[in-house]
Amino acid sequence: MLRQTVRSANSVAKRNFSTSKVRSVHYPEGPYHNLPFKVHNRKIPYAFLHFGFFAAGFLAPFGIVYIHNKRARGE
């Protein structure tokens, strides 16, 4: 049993790792170039969409409760 353990340890230690060739590819670098959308020179400013998205998510429960209470009163 000891020999099997030693053999399995040796087989794990003898893995063949291969490396790939380093390719020289140049992508634009700097701030905002790693994002999948435009931040500058937009028709609608990004900040408006960003904060509008989170405001809609925050205000939706309050609107739902308001509509539910309004219907429950029979108005």
PDB file of N, CA and C in Angstrom:
ATOM      1  N   MET A   1       0.827  -1.191   0.000  1.00  0.00           N
ATOM      2  CA  MET A   1       0.000   0.000   0.000  1.00  0.00           C
ATOM      3  C   MET A   1       0.872   1.256   0.000  1.00  0.00           C
ATOM      4  N   LEU A   2       1.983   1.201   0.672  1.00  0.00           N
ATOM      5  CA  LEU A   2       2.897   2.318   0.715  1.00  0.00           C
ATOM      6  C   LEU A   2       3.448   2.624  -0.683  1.00  0.00           C
ATOM      7  N   ARG A   3       3.724   1.565  -1.444  1.00  0.00           N
ATOM      8  CA  ARG A   3       4.245   1.754  -2.806  1.00  0.00           C
ATOM      9  C   ARG A   3       3.228   2.461  -3.700  1.00  0.00           C
ATOM     10  N   GLN A   4       1.960   2.131  -3.532  1.00  0.00           N
ATOM     11  CA  GLN A   4       0.921   2.783  -4.342  1.00  0.00           C
ATOM     12  C   GLN A   4       0.846   4.268  -4.016  1.00  0.00           C
ATOM     13  N   THR A   5       0.984   4.602  -2.770  1.00  0.00           N
ATOM     14  CA  THR A   5       0.947   6.002  -2.362  1.00  0.00           C
ATOM     15  C   THR A   5       2.134   6.753  -2.948  1.00  0.00           C
ATOM     16  N   VAL A   6       3.301   6.135  -2.914  1.00  0.00           N
ATOM     17  CA  VAL A   6       4.497   6.764  -3.468  1.00  0.00           C
ATOM     18  C   VAL A   6       4.348   6.926  -4.974  1.00  0.00           C
ATOM     19  N   ARG A   7       3.814   5.921  -5.649  1.00  0.00           N
ATOM     20  CA  ARG A   7       3.619   6.008  -7.097  1.00  0.00           C
ATOM     21  C   ARG A   7       2.637   7.121  -7.461  1.00  0.00           C
ATOM     22  N   SER A   8       1.535   7.220  -6.724  1.00  0.00           N
ATOM     23  CA  SER A   8       0.568   8.268  -7.044  1.00  0.00           C
ATOM     24  C   SER A   8       1.151   9.648  -6.772  1.00  0.00           C
ATOM     25  N   ALA A   9       1.960   9.771  -5.734  1.00  0.00           N
ATOM     26  CA  ALA A   9       2.607  11.054  -5.439  1.00  0.00           C
ATOM     27  C   ALA A   9       3.591  11.411  -6.545  1.00  0.00           C
ATOM     28  N   ASN A  10       4.334  10.426  -7.049  1.00  0.00           N
ATOM     29  CA  ASN A  10       5.284  10.693  -8.129  1.00  0.00           C
ATOM     30  C   ASN A  10       4.561  11.073  -9.419  1.00  0.00           C
ATOM     31  N   SER A  11       3.444  10.429  -9.693  1.00  0.00           N
ATOM     32  CA  SER A  11       2.735  10.744 -10.935  1.00  0.00           C
ATOM     33  C   SER A  11       2.149  12.149 -10.884  1.00  0.00           C
ATOM     34  N   VAL A  12       1.736  12.595  -9.718  1.00  0.00           N
ATOM     35  CA  VAL A  12       1.229  13.956  -9.581  1.00  0.00           C
ATOM     36  C   VAL A  12       2.374  14.946  -9.753  1.00  0.00           C
ATOM     37  N   ALA A  13       3.541  14.620  -9.197  1.00  0.00           N
ATOM     38  CA  ALA A  13       4.674  15.527  -9.262  1.00  0.00           C
ATOM     39  C   ALA A  13       5.271  15.593 -10.669  1.00  0.00           C
ATOM     40  N   LYS A  14       5.040  14.604 -11.514  1.00  0.00           N
ATOM     41  CA  LYS A  14       5.659  14.553 -12.828  1.00  0.00           C
ATOM     42  C   LYS A  14       4.728  15.033 -13.936  1.00  0.00           C
ATOM     43  N   ARG A  15       3.771  15.884 -13.626  1.00  0.00           N
ATOM     44  CA  ARG A  15       2.884  16.390 -14.670  1.00  0.00           C
ATOM     45  C   ARG A  15       3.688  17.164 -15.696  1.00  0.00           C
ATOM     46  N   ASN A  16       3.248  17.107 -16.921  1.00  0.00           N
ATOM     47  CA  ASN A  16       3.908  17.864 -17.975  1.00  0.00           C
ATOM     48  C   ASN A  16       3.136  19.157 -18.215  1.00  0.00           C
ATOM     49  N   PHE A  17       3.703  20.253 -17.780  1.00  0.00           N
ATOM     50  CA  PHE A  17       3.082  21.543 -17.998  1.00  0.00           C
ATOM     51  C   PHE A  17       3.648  22.142 -19.276  1.00  0.00           C
ATOM     52  N   SER A  18       2.782  22.652 -20.103  1.00  0.00           N
ATOM     53  CA  SER A  18       3.258  23.269 -21.335  1.00  0.00           C
ATOM     54  C   SER A  18       2.962  24.763 -21.286  1.00  0.00           C
ATOM     55  N   THR A  19       3.767  25.517 -21.954  1.00  0.00           N
ATOM     56  CA  THR A  19       3.569  26.954 -22.009  1.00  0.00           C
ATOM     57  C   THR A  19       3.279  27.348 -23.435  1.00  0.00           C
ATOM     58  N   SER A  20       2.554  28.420 -23.593  1.00  0.00           N
ATOM     59  CA  SER A  20       2.255  28.905 -24.934  1.00  0.00           C
ATOM     60  C   SER A  20       3.173  30.076 -25.262  1.00  0.00           C
ATOM     61  N   LYS A  21       3.329  30.316 -26.526  1.00  0.00           N
ATOM     62  CA  LYS A  21       4.201  31.380 -26.988  1.00  0.00           C
ATOM     63  C   LYS A  21       3.589  32.735 -26.628  1.00  0.00           C
ATOM     64  N   VAL A  22       4.403  33.654 -26.190  1.00  0.00           N
ATOM     65  CA  VAL A  22       3.929  34.982 -25.859  1.00  0.00           C
ATOM     66  C   VAL A  22       3.654  35.713 -27.167  1.00  0.00           C
ATOM     67  N   ARG A  23       2.439  36.209 -27.291  1.00  0.00           N
ATOM     68  CA  ARG A  23       2.058  36.921 -28.514  1.00  0.00           C
ATOM     69  C   ARG A  23       2.034  38.414 -28.226  1.00  0.00           C
ATOM     70  N   SER A  24       2.506  39.171 -29.156  1.00  0.00           N
ATOM     71  CA  SER A  24       2.523  40.615 -28.966  1.00  0.00           C
ATOM     72  C   SER A  24       1.263  41.220 -29.585  1.00  0.00           C
ATOM     73  N   VAL A  25       0.302  41.490 -28.747  1.00  0.00           N
ATOM     74  CA  VAL A  25      -0.933  42.125 -29.173  1.00  0.00           C
ATOM     75  C   VAL A  25      -1.096  43.360 -28.317  1.00  0.00           C
ATOM     76  N   HIS A  26      -1.418  44.460 -28.936  1.00  0.00           N
ATOM     77  CA  HIS A  26      -1.559  45.697 -28.176  1.00  0.00           C
ATOM     78  C   HIS A  26      -3.003  46.171 -28.235  1.00  0.00           C
ATOM     79  N   TYR A  27      -3.612  46.239 -27.081  1.00  0.00           N
ATOM     80  CA  TYR A  27      -4.956  46.791 -26.955  1.00  0.00           C
ATOM     81  C   TYR A  27      -4.837  48.174 -26.338  1.00  0.00           C
ATOM     82  N   PRO A  28      -5.848  49.012 -26.538  1.00  0.00           N
ATOM     83  CA  PRO A  28      -5.772  50.335 -25.909  1.00  0.00           C
ATOM     84  C   PRO A  28      -5.692  50.208 -24.388  1.00  0.00           C
ATOM     85  N   GLU A  29      -4.877  51.037 -23.784  1.00  0.00           N
ATOM     86  CA  GLU A  29      -4.691  50.979 -22.340  1.00  0.00           C
ATOM     87  C   GLU A  29      -5.135  52.290 -21.724  1.00  0.00           C
ATOM     88  N   GLY A  30      -5.310  52.258 -20.427  1.00  0.00           N
ATOM     89  CA  GLY A  30      -5.660  53.459 -19.697  1.00  0.00           C
ATOM     90  C   GLY A  30      -7.038  53.357 -19.085  1.00  0.00           C
ATOM     91  N   PRO A  31      -7.446  54.431 -18.405  1.00  0.00           N
ATOM     92  CA  PRO A  31      -8.739  54.406 -17.746  1.00  0.00           C
ATOM     93  C   PRO A  31      -9.881  54.295 -18.751  1.00  0.00           C
ATOM     94  N   TYR A  32     -10.903  53.550 -18.400  1.00  0.00           N
ATOM     95  CA  TYR A  32     -12.133  53.350 -19.168  1.00  0.00           C
ATOM     96  C   TYR A  32     -11.965  52.477 -20.406  1.00  0.00           C
ATOM     97  N   HIS A  33     -10.777  51.996 -20.703  1.00  0.00           N
ATOM     98  CA  HIS A  33     -10.611  51.142 -21.884  1.00  0.00           C
ATOM     99  C   HIS A  33     -10.890  49.678 -21.587  1.00  0.00           C
ATOM    100  N   ASN A  34     -11.026  49.333 -20.316  1.00  0.00           N
ATOM    101  CA  ASN A  34     -11.329  47.948 -19.968  1.00  0.00           C
ATOM    102  C   ASN A  34     -12.826  47.709 -19.808  1.00  0.00           C
ATOM    103  N   LEU A  35     -13.648  48.728 -20.026  1.00  0.00           N
ATOM    104  CA  LEU A  35     -15.096  48.599 -19.892  1.00  0.00           C
ATOM    105  C   LEU A  35     -15.724  48.244 -21.239  1.00  0.00           C
ATOM    106  N   PRO A  36     -16.789  47.438 -21.229  1.00  0.00           N
ATOM    107  CA  PRO A  36     -17.404  47.035 -22.507  1.00  0.00           C
ATOM    108  C   PRO A  36     -18.410  48.042 -23.046  1.00  0.00           C
ATOM    109  N   PHE A  37     -18.357  49.303 -22.604  1.00  0.00           N
ATOM    110  CA  PHE A  37     -19.269  50.329 -23.098  1.00  0.00           C
ATOM    111  C   PHE A  37     -18.547  51.668 -23.078  1.00  0.00           C
ATOM    112  N   LYS A  38     -19.074  52.624 -23.833  1.00  0.00           N
ATOM    113  CA  LYS A  38     -18.466  53.942 -23.895  1.00  0.00           C
ATOM    114  C   LYS A  38     -18.829  54.736 -22.653  1.00  0.00           C
ATOM    115  N   VAL A  39     -17.880  55.487 -22.135  1.00  0.00           N
ATOM    116  CA  VAL A  39     -18.141  56.344 -20.994  1.00  0.00           C
ATOM    117  C   VAL A  39     -18.129  57.803 -21.446  1.00  0.00           C
ATOM    118  N   HIS A  40     -17.257  58.151 -22.350  1.00  0.00           N
ATOM    119  CA  HIS A  40     -17.142  59.520 -22.844  1.00  0.00           C
ATOM    120  C   HIS A  40     -17.813  59.638 -24.212  1.00  0.00           C
ATOM    121  N   ASN A  41     -18.211  60.853 -24.572  1.00  0.00           N
ATOM    122  CA  ASN A  41     -18.818  61.174 -25.872  1.00  0.00           C
ATOM    123  C   ASN A  41     -20.070  60.332 -26.145  1.00  0.00           C
ATOM    124  N   ARG A  42     -20.984  60.305 -25.195  1.00  0.00           N
ATOM    125  CA  ARG A  42     -22.240  59.576 -25.343  1.00  0.00           C
ATOM    126  C   ARG A  42     -23.365  60.574 -25.571  1.00  0.00           C
ATOM    127  N   LYS A  43     -24.445  60.121 -26.248  1.00  0.00           N
ATOM    128  CA  LYS A  43     -25.617  60.981 -26.420  1.00  0.00           C
ATOM    129  C   LYS A  43     -26.313  61.203 -25.085  1.00  0.00           C
ATOM    130  N   ILE A  44     -26.475  60.136 -24.309  1.00  0.00           N
ATOM    131  CA  ILE A  44     -27.023  60.223 -22.953  1.00  0.00           C
ATOM    132  C   ILE A  44     -25.844  60.013 -22.011  1.00  0.00           C
ATOM    133  N   PRO A  45     -25.596  60.934 -21.096  1.00  0.00           N
ATOM    134  CA  PRO A  45     -24.445  60.778 -20.196  1.00  0.00           C
ATOM    135  C   PRO A  45     -24.513  59.478 -19.394  1.00  0.00           C
ATOM    136  N   TYR A  46     -23.384  58.870 -19.210  1.00  0.00           N
ATOM    137  CA  TYR A  46     -23.331  57.596 -18.496  1.00  0.00           C
ATOM    138  C   TYR A  46     -23.836  57.726 -17.067  1.00  0.00           C
ATOM    139  N   ALA A  47     -23.527  58.825 -16.409  1.00  0.00           N
ATOM    140  CA  ALA A  47     -23.950  59.003 -15.010  1.00  0.00           C
ATOM    141  C   ALA A  47     -25.473  58.968 -14.907  1.00  0.00           C
ATOM    142  N   PHE A  48     -26.178  59.525 -15.871  1.00  0.00           N
ATOM    143  CA  PHE A  48     -27.639  59.515 -15.860  1.00  0.00           C
ATOM    144  C   PHE A  48     -28.163  58.084 -15.927  1.00  0.00           C
ATOM    145  N   LEU A  49     -27.611  57.278 -16.801  1.00  0.00           N
ATOM    146  CA  LEU A  49     -28.045  55.889 -16.901  1.00  0.00           C
ATOM    147  C   LEU A  49     -27.670  55.092 -15.654  1.00  0.00           C
ATOM    148  N   HIS A  50     -26.490  55.312 -15.136  1.00  0.00           N
ATOM    149  CA  HIS A  50     -26.015  54.581 -13.958  1.00  0.00           C
ATOM    150  C   HIS A  50     -26.900  54.852 -12.748  1.00  0.00           C
ATOM    151  N   PHE A  51     -27.065  56.123 -12.408  1.00  0.00           N
ATOM    152  CA  PHE A  51     -27.853  56.464 -11.223  1.00  0.00           C
ATOM    153  C   PHE A  51     -29.337  56.243 -11.468  1.00  0.00           C
ATOM    154  N   GLY A  52     -29.799  56.381 -12.694  1.00  0.00           N
ATOM    155  CA  GLY A  52     -31.200  56.086 -13.011  1.00  0.00           C
ATOM    156  C   GLY A  52     -31.529  54.618 -12.815  1.00  0.00           C
ATOM    157  N   PHE A  53     -30.619  53.743 -13.189  1.00  0.00           N
ATOM    158  CA  PHE A  53     -30.815  52.302 -13.004  1.00  0.00           C
ATOM    159  C   PHE A  53     -30.963  51.954 -11.532  1.00  0.00           C
ATOM    160  N   PHE A  54     -30.067  52.483 -10.703  1.00  0.00           N
ATOM    161  CA  PHE A  54     -30.124  52.179  -9.275  1.00  0.00           C
ATOM    162  C   PHE A  54     -31.304  52.873  -8.599  1.00  0.00           C
ATOM    163  N   ALA A  55     -31.675  54.059  -9.044  1.00  0.00           N
ATOM    164  CA  ALA A  55     -32.837  54.752  -8.464  1.00  0.00           C
ATOM    165  C   ALA A  55     -34.111  53.981  -8.782  1.00  0.00           C
ATOM    166  N   ALA A  56     -34.226  53.458  -9.984  1.00  0.00           N
ATOM    167  CA  ALA A  56     -35.410  52.672 -10.344  1.00  0.00           C
ATOM    168  C   ALA A  56     -35.510  51.427  -9.474  1.00  0.00           C
ATOM    169  N   GLY A  57     -34.397  50.760  -9.236  1.00  0.00           N
ATOM    170  CA  GLY A  57     -34.397  49.582  -8.383  1.00  0.00           C
ATOM    171  C   GLY A  57     -34.720  49.902  -6.936  1.00  0.00           C
ATOM    172  N   PHE A  58     -34.308  51.067  -6.469  1.00  0.00           N
ATOM    173  CA  PHE A  58     -34.588  51.457  -5.090  1.00  0.00           C
ATOM    174  C   PHE A  58     -36.034  51.910  -4.928  1.00  0.00           C
ATOM    175  N   LEU A  59     -36.573  52.630  -5.908  1.00  0.00           N
ATOM    176  CA  LEU A  59     -37.914  53.201  -5.785  1.00  0.00           C
ATOM    177  C   LEU A  59     -39.025  52.243  -6.182  1.00  0.00           C
ATOM    178  N   ALA A  60     -38.722  51.180  -6.895  1.00  0.00           N
ATOM    179  CA  ALA A  60     -39.754  50.237  -7.344  1.00  0.00           C
ATOM    180  C   ALA A  60     -40.562  49.652  -6.186  1.00  0.00           C
ATOM    181  N   PRO A  61     -39.971  49.180  -5.094  1.00  0.00           N
ATOM    182  CA  PRO A  61     -40.795  48.633  -3.998  1.00  0.00           C
ATOM    183  C   PRO A  61     -41.756  49.653  -3.402  1.00  0.00           C
ATOM    184  N   PHE A  62     -41.312  50.917  -3.303  1.00  0.00           N
ATOM    185  CA  PHE A  62     -42.200  51.949  -2.759  1.00  0.00           C
ATOM    186  C   PHE A  62     -43.386  52.190  -3.684  1.00  0.00           C
ATOM    187  N   GLY A  63     -43.137  52.198  -4.988  1.00  0.00           N
ATOM    188  CA  GLY A  63     -44.235  52.351  -5.948  1.00  0.00           C
ATOM    189  C   GLY A  63     -45.191  51.179  -5.910  1.00  0.00           C
ATOM    190  N   ILE A  64     -44.670  49.987  -5.776  1.00  0.00           N
ATOM    191  CA  ILE A  64     -45.512  48.790  -5.718  1.00  0.00           C
ATOM    192  C   ILE A  64     -46.389  48.817  -4.476  1.00  0.00           C
ATOM    193  N   VAL A  65     -45.827  49.206  -3.324  1.00  0.00           N
ATOM    194  CA  VAL A  65     -46.606  49.289  -2.087  1.00  0.00           C
ATOM    195  C   VAL A  65     -47.674  50.372  -2.205  1.00  0.00           C
ATOM    196  N   TYR A  66     -47.342  51.489  -2.808  1.00  0.00           N
ATOM    197  CA  TYR A  66     -48.321  52.574  -2.993  1.00  0.00           C
ATOM    198  C   TYR A  66     -49.507  52.100  -3.839  1.00  0.00           C
ATOM    199  N   ILE A  67     -49.218  51.438  -4.941  1.00  0.00           N
ATOM    200  CA  ILE A  67     -50.289  50.941  -5.812  1.00  0.00           C
ATOM    201  C   ILE A  67     -51.104  49.879  -5.085  1.00  0.00           C
ATOM    202  N   HIS A  68     -50.465  48.993  -4.359  1.00  0.00           N
ATOM    203  CA  HIS A  68     -51.173  47.952  -3.620  1.00  0.00           C
ATOM    204  C   HIS A  68     -52.108  48.571  -2.571  1.00  0.00           C
ATOM    205  N   ASN A  69     -51.614  49.547  -1.819  1.00  0.00           N
ATOM    206  CA  ASN A  69     -52.446  50.197  -0.798  1.00  0.00           C
ATOM    207  C   ASN A  69     -53.597  50.977  -1.420  1.00  0.00           C
ATOM    208  N   LYS A  70     -53.349  51.599  -2.547  1.00  0.00           N
ATOM    209  CA  LYS A  70     -54.397  52.357  -3.232  1.00  0.00           C
ATOM    210  C   LYS A  70     -55.511  51.424  -3.700  1.00  0.00           C
ATOM    211  N   ARG A  71     -55.159  50.260  -4.235  1.00  0.00           N
ATOM    212  CA  ARG A  71     -56.160  49.288  -4.673  1.00  0.00           C
ATOM    213  C   ARG A  71     -56.898  48.673  -3.482  1.00  0.00           C
ATOM    214  N   ALA A  72     -56.187  48.466  -2.375  1.00  0.00           N
ATOM    215  CA  ALA A  72     -56.810  47.844  -1.199  1.00  0.00           C
ATOM    216  C   ALA A  72     -57.855  48.763  -0.571  1.00  0.00           C
ATOM    217  N   ARG A  73     -57.662  50.083  -0.666  1.00  0.00           N
ATOM    218  CA  ARG A  73     -58.633  51.035  -0.140  1.00  0.00           C
ATOM    219  C   ARG A  73     -59.848  51.163  -1.040  1.00  0.00           C
ATOM    220  N   GLY A  74     -59.740  50.702  -2.260  1.00  0.00           N
ATOM    221  CA  GLY A  74     -60.862  50.765  -3.190  1.00  0.00           C
ATOM    222  C   GLY A  74     -60.972  52.073  -3.940  1.00  0.00           C
ATOM    223  N   GLU A  75     -59.906  52.787  -4.065  1.00  0.00           N
ATOM    224  CA  GLU A  75     -59.950  54.056  -4.805  1.00  0.00           C
ATOM    225  C   GLU A  75     -59.756  53.840  -6.279  1.00  0.00           C
TER     226      GLU A  75
END
